[in-house]
Each structure stands twice: as C-alpha cells, then as structure tokens.
Amino acid sequence: MTAAEKDCWNIYFNLNPLEYLNIAIGKLFKKSEFKLQLSGKFICNTGPNTTKKRIEEISHRIQNCSLTDLQIMN
C-alpha cells in the first residue's frame, strides 16, 4: 500500500498492476454493509499496532475468497 493515506486502501487491478484506486475503506465500512470478494493477491501492510485491527475489521465482510497470495505484515 504505497502512499496510502490513513484509513485508506490502495486497490490494484490485474489489468494494470501499476495503477490503483485510493479508497477510504474506513468511511465506507461505517456507512455500509458491503461484502468483499478477494482473489489473486491480498496484502495488508499497515503499522505494527493496526494490522490486527484491520484484519478484524474486514474478516467478517469476506463473502468469497480465492487468494493465491496472502501477505500480512507486522
């Protein structure tokens, strides 16, 4: 998550892995109950005290998961 702002995620795409969207996930989570469908690679790279919190925030929202690469930092 290069250059990600606080409470934002960089979402990368298969078609062009160098381009990404910067999305304020924290705000979306508070305002909606959307579900996540994860495939390919998922990298959670936050500060040492926030990685566990971030995983707990998203784990109950995962509807479908077919990851080939999972990286959880710190």
C-alpha atoms as a PDB file:
ATOM      1  CA  MET A   1       0.000   0.000   0.000  1.00  0.00           C
ATOM      2  CA  THR A   2       2.346   2.652  -1.179  1.00  0.00           C
ATOM      3  CA  ALA A   3       1.468   6.206  -0.275  1.00  0.00           C
ATOM      4  CA  ALA A   4      -1.826   5.169   1.294  1.00  0.00           C
ATOM      5  CA  GLU A   5      -3.463   7.758   3.461  1.00  0.00           C
ATOM      6  CA  LYS A   6      -4.712   6.955   6.946  1.00  0.00           C
ATOM      7  CA  ASP A   7      -7.765   4.658   6.799  1.00  0.00           C
ATOM      8  CA  CYS A   8      -7.437   4.347   3.020  1.00  0.00           C
ATOM      9  CA  TRP A   9      -6.575   1.344   0.890  1.00  0.00           C
ATOM     10  CA  ASN A  10      -4.855   1.229  -2.463  1.00  0.00           C
ATOM     11  CA  ILE A  11      -6.831  -1.173  -4.648  1.00  0.00           C
ATOM     12  CA  TYR A  12      -4.793  -2.629  -7.531  1.00  0.00           C
ATOM     13  CA  PHE A  13      -6.130  -4.323 -10.652  1.00  0.00           C
ATOM     14  CA  ASN A  14      -4.986  -7.326 -12.679  1.00  0.00           C
ATOM     15  CA  LEU A  15      -5.100  -5.472 -15.998  1.00  0.00           C
ATOM     16  CA  ASN A  16      -2.503  -2.900 -14.953  1.00  0.00           C
ATOM     17  CA  PRO A  17      -0.879  -3.665 -11.584  1.00  0.00           C
ATOM     18  CA  LEU A  18       0.881  -0.285 -11.560  1.00  0.00           C
ATOM     19  CA  GLU A  19      -2.402   1.640 -11.426  1.00  0.00           C
ATOM     20  CA  TYR A  20      -4.566   1.735  -8.323  1.00  0.00           C
ATOM     21  CA  LEU A  21      -7.507   3.464  -6.687  1.00  0.00           C
ATOM     22  CA  ASN A  22      -7.101   5.005  -3.253  1.00  0.00           C
ATOM     23  CA  ILE A  23     -10.318   4.265  -1.359  1.00  0.00           C
ATOM     24  CA  ALA A  24     -11.284   5.422   2.137  1.00  0.00           C
ATOM     25  CA  ILE A  25     -12.307   1.969   3.368  1.00  0.00           C
ATOM     26  CA  GLY A  26     -12.812   3.109   6.964  1.00  0.00           C
ATOM     27  CA  LYS A  27     -15.544   5.544   5.959  1.00  0.00           C
ATOM     28  CA  LEU A  28     -17.215   3.007   3.652  1.00  0.00           C
ATOM     29  CA  PHE A  29     -17.266   0.369   6.397  1.00  0.00           C
ATOM     30  CA  LYS A  30     -19.063   2.727   8.743  1.00  0.00           C
ATOM     31  CA  LYS A  31     -21.686   3.690   6.150  1.00  0.00           C
ATOM     32  CA  SER A  32     -22.468   0.348   4.518  1.00  0.00           C
ATOM     33  CA  GLU A  33     -22.523  -3.419   4.947  1.00  0.00           C
ATOM     34  CA  PHE A  34     -20.853  -4.357   1.647  1.00  0.00           C
ATOM     35  CA  LYS A  35     -19.115  -7.727   1.292  1.00  0.00           C
ATOM     36  CA  LEU A  36     -15.644  -8.415  -0.079  1.00  0.00           C
ATOM     37  CA  GLN A  37     -14.708 -10.923  -2.742  1.00  0.00           C
ATOM     38  CA  LEU A  38     -10.963 -11.446  -2.647  1.00  0.00           C
ATOM     39  CA  SER A  39      -8.980 -13.139  -5.396  1.00  0.00           C
ATOM     40  CA  GLY A  40      -5.372 -13.138  -6.534  1.00  0.00           C
ATOM     41  CA  LYS A  41      -3.140 -11.300  -4.071  1.00  0.00           C
ATOM     42  CA  PHE A  42      -4.114  -9.563  -0.819  1.00  0.00           C
ATOM     43  CA  ILE A  43      -1.505  -7.549   1.087  1.00  0.00           C
ATOM     44  CA  CYS A  44      -2.281  -5.965   4.427  1.00  0.00           C
ATOM     45  CA  ASN A  45       0.691  -3.755   5.223  1.00  0.00           C
ATOM     46  CA  THR A  46      -0.085  -1.289   7.994  1.00  0.00           C
ATOM     47  CA  GLY A  47       1.619  -0.190  11.186  1.00  0.00           C
ATOM     48  CA  PRO A  48       2.528  -2.726  13.882  1.00  0.00           C
ATOM     49  CA  ASN A  49      -0.449  -1.808  16.069  1.00  0.00           C
ATOM     50  CA  THR A  50      -3.059  -1.605  13.318  1.00  0.00           C
ATOM     51  CA  THR A  51      -2.652  -4.768  11.207  1.00  0.00           C
ATOM     52  CA  LYS A  52      -4.627  -6.976  13.629  1.00  0.00           C
ATOM     53  CA  LYS A  53      -7.365  -4.351  13.911  1.00  0.00           C
ATOM     54  CA  ARG A  54      -7.596  -4.028  10.120  1.00  0.00           C
ATOM     55  CA  ILE A  55      -7.874  -7.810   9.648  1.00  0.00           C
ATOM     56  CA  GLU A  56     -10.597  -7.961  12.313  1.00  0.00           C
ATOM     57  CA  GLU A  57     -12.480  -5.172  10.528  1.00  0.00           C
ATOM     58  CA  ILE A  58     -12.567  -6.973   7.205  1.00  0.00           C
ATOM     59  CA  SER A  59     -12.715 -10.666   8.180  1.00  0.00           C
ATOM     60  CA  HIS A  60     -16.477 -10.696   8.822  1.00  0.00           C
ATOM     61  CA  ARG A  61     -17.090  -8.978   5.482  1.00  0.00           C
ATOM     62  CA  ILE A  62     -15.369 -11.597   3.314  1.00  0.00           C
ATOM     63  CA  GLN A  63     -18.009 -13.353   1.229  1.00  0.00           C
ATOM     64  CA  ASN A  64     -15.747 -15.231  -1.151  1.00  0.00           C
ATOM     65  CA  CYS A  65     -12.013 -15.811  -1.062  1.00  0.00           C
ATOM     66  CA  SER A  66      -9.799 -17.471  -3.664  1.00  0.00           C
ATOM     67  CA  LEU A  67      -6.419 -15.959  -2.886  1.00  0.00           C
ATOM     68  CA  THR A  68      -3.209 -17.288  -4.353  1.00  0.00           C
ATOM     69  CA  ASP A  69      -1.027 -14.922  -2.292  1.00  0.00           C
ATOM     70  CA  LEU A  70      -1.792 -13.603   1.205  1.00  0.00           C
ATOM     71  CA  GLN A  71       0.702 -11.259   2.866  1.00  0.00           C
ATOM     72  CA  ILE A  72       0.095  -9.826   6.324  1.00  0.00           C
ATOM     73  CA  MET A  73       2.849  -7.512   7.508  1.00  0.00           C
ATOM     74  CA  ASN A  74       3.861  -6.574  11.047  1.00  0.00           C
END
